[in-house]
Amino acid sequence: MSGKNQHVVSRDGNWAVRGEGNTRDTSHHRTQAEAERAARDIAINQKSEVLIHGENGRIRERNSYGNDPFPPPG
């Protein structure tokens, strides 16, 4: 079973990692790159995805770590 997808989001001029469905941020970082690394480590551990949001809040990149449905079974 896979874990929660991790979202990298802008927070008051900094960046945060938040697990999907969580009400609180998992961690806070000075740069988006630092937040991406932290989210990637969690996603690898949980076999989930990282969704990177731009400063406008829209998803600009999505990376899968261990829960990729491709290639499809068969």
Protein backbone atom coordinates (compact mmCIF):
# COMPACT_ATOMS: atom_id res chain seq x y z
CA MET A 1 0.00 0.00 0.00
CA SER A 2 1.27 3.46 -0.83
CA GLY A 3 1.56 6.41 1.54
CA LYS A 4 0.29 9.95 1.29
CA ASN A 5 1.32 12.12 -1.63
CA GLN A 6 3.57 14.98 -0.57
CA HIS A 7 2.89 18.56 -1.68
CA VAL A 8 5.57 21.28 -1.91
CA VAL A 9 3.79 24.60 -1.37
CA SER A 10 4.68 28.27 -0.92
CA ARG A 11 4.33 29.58 2.65
CA ASP A 12 4.83 33.27 3.47
CA GLY A 13 7.92 33.65 1.28
CA ASN A 14 9.28 30.24 2.25
CA TRP A 15 8.35 26.69 1.24
CA ALA A 16 6.65 23.84 3.06
CA VAL A 17 6.01 20.12 2.67
CA ARG A 18 2.52 18.90 3.49
CA GLY A 19 1.18 15.36 3.30
CA GLU A 20 -2.03 15.06 1.32
CA GLY A 21 -5.05 15.41 3.59
CA ASN A 22 -3.01 16.73 6.52
CA THR A 23 -4.11 19.91 8.28
CA ARG A 24 -0.54 20.89 9.26
CA ASP A 25 2.71 21.20 7.32
CA THR A 26 5.26 18.43 7.79
CA SER A 27 8.28 20.75 7.47
CA HIS A 28 9.31 24.29 6.45
CA HIS A 29 12.25 25.31 4.26
CA ARG A 30 13.94 28.48 3.04
CA THR A 31 14.02 27.38 -0.61
CA GLN A 32 11.79 25.36 -2.89
CA ALA A 33 14.72 23.06 -3.70
CA GLU A 34 15.17 22.19 0.01
CA ALA A 35 11.45 21.46 0.32
CA GLU A 36 11.55 19.31 -2.83
CA ARG A 37 14.40 17.20 -1.40
CA ALA A 38 12.55 16.70 1.89
CA ALA A 39 9.32 15.77 0.09
CA ARG A 40 11.20 13.36 -2.20
CA ASP A 41 12.75 11.56 0.78
CA ILE A 42 9.32 11.11 2.37
CA ALA A 43 7.76 9.98 -0.93
CA ILE A 44 10.51 7.40 -1.55
CA ASN A 45 10.00 6.04 1.95
CA GLN A 46 6.20 5.90 1.53
CA LYS A 47 6.20 4.91 -2.18
CA SER A 48 4.04 7.91 -3.05
CA GLU A 49 4.18 11.01 -5.26
CA VAL A 50 5.55 14.54 -4.90
CA LEU A 51 3.43 17.37 -6.29
CA ILE A 52 5.36 20.62 -6.65
CA HIS A 53 3.26 23.77 -6.64
CA GLY A 54 4.45 27.09 -8.04
CA GLU A 55 4.17 30.34 -6.10
CA ASN A 56 0.72 30.76 -7.67
CA GLY A 57 -0.42 27.55 -5.99
CA ARG A 58 -0.88 25.59 -9.21
CA ILE A 59 0.81 22.19 -9.64
CA ARG A 60 3.77 22.59 -12.00
CA GLU A 61 5.47 19.22 -11.62
CA ARG A 62 4.61 15.73 -10.42
CA ASN A 63 7.06 12.92 -9.62
CA SER A 64 6.22 9.34 -8.68
CA TYR A 65 8.40 7.28 -6.31
CA GLY A 66 7.45 3.63 -6.27
CA ASN A 67 3.73 3.85 -7.00
CA ASP A 68 3.97 4.40 -10.76
CA PRO A 69 1.25 2.53 -12.68
CA PHE A 70 3.44 2.30 -15.82
CA PRO A 71 4.13 -0.04 -17.40
CA PRO A 72 0.64 -1.37 -16.89
CA PRO A 73 0.34 -4.99 -15.77
CA GLY A 74 -0.27 -7.59 -18.45
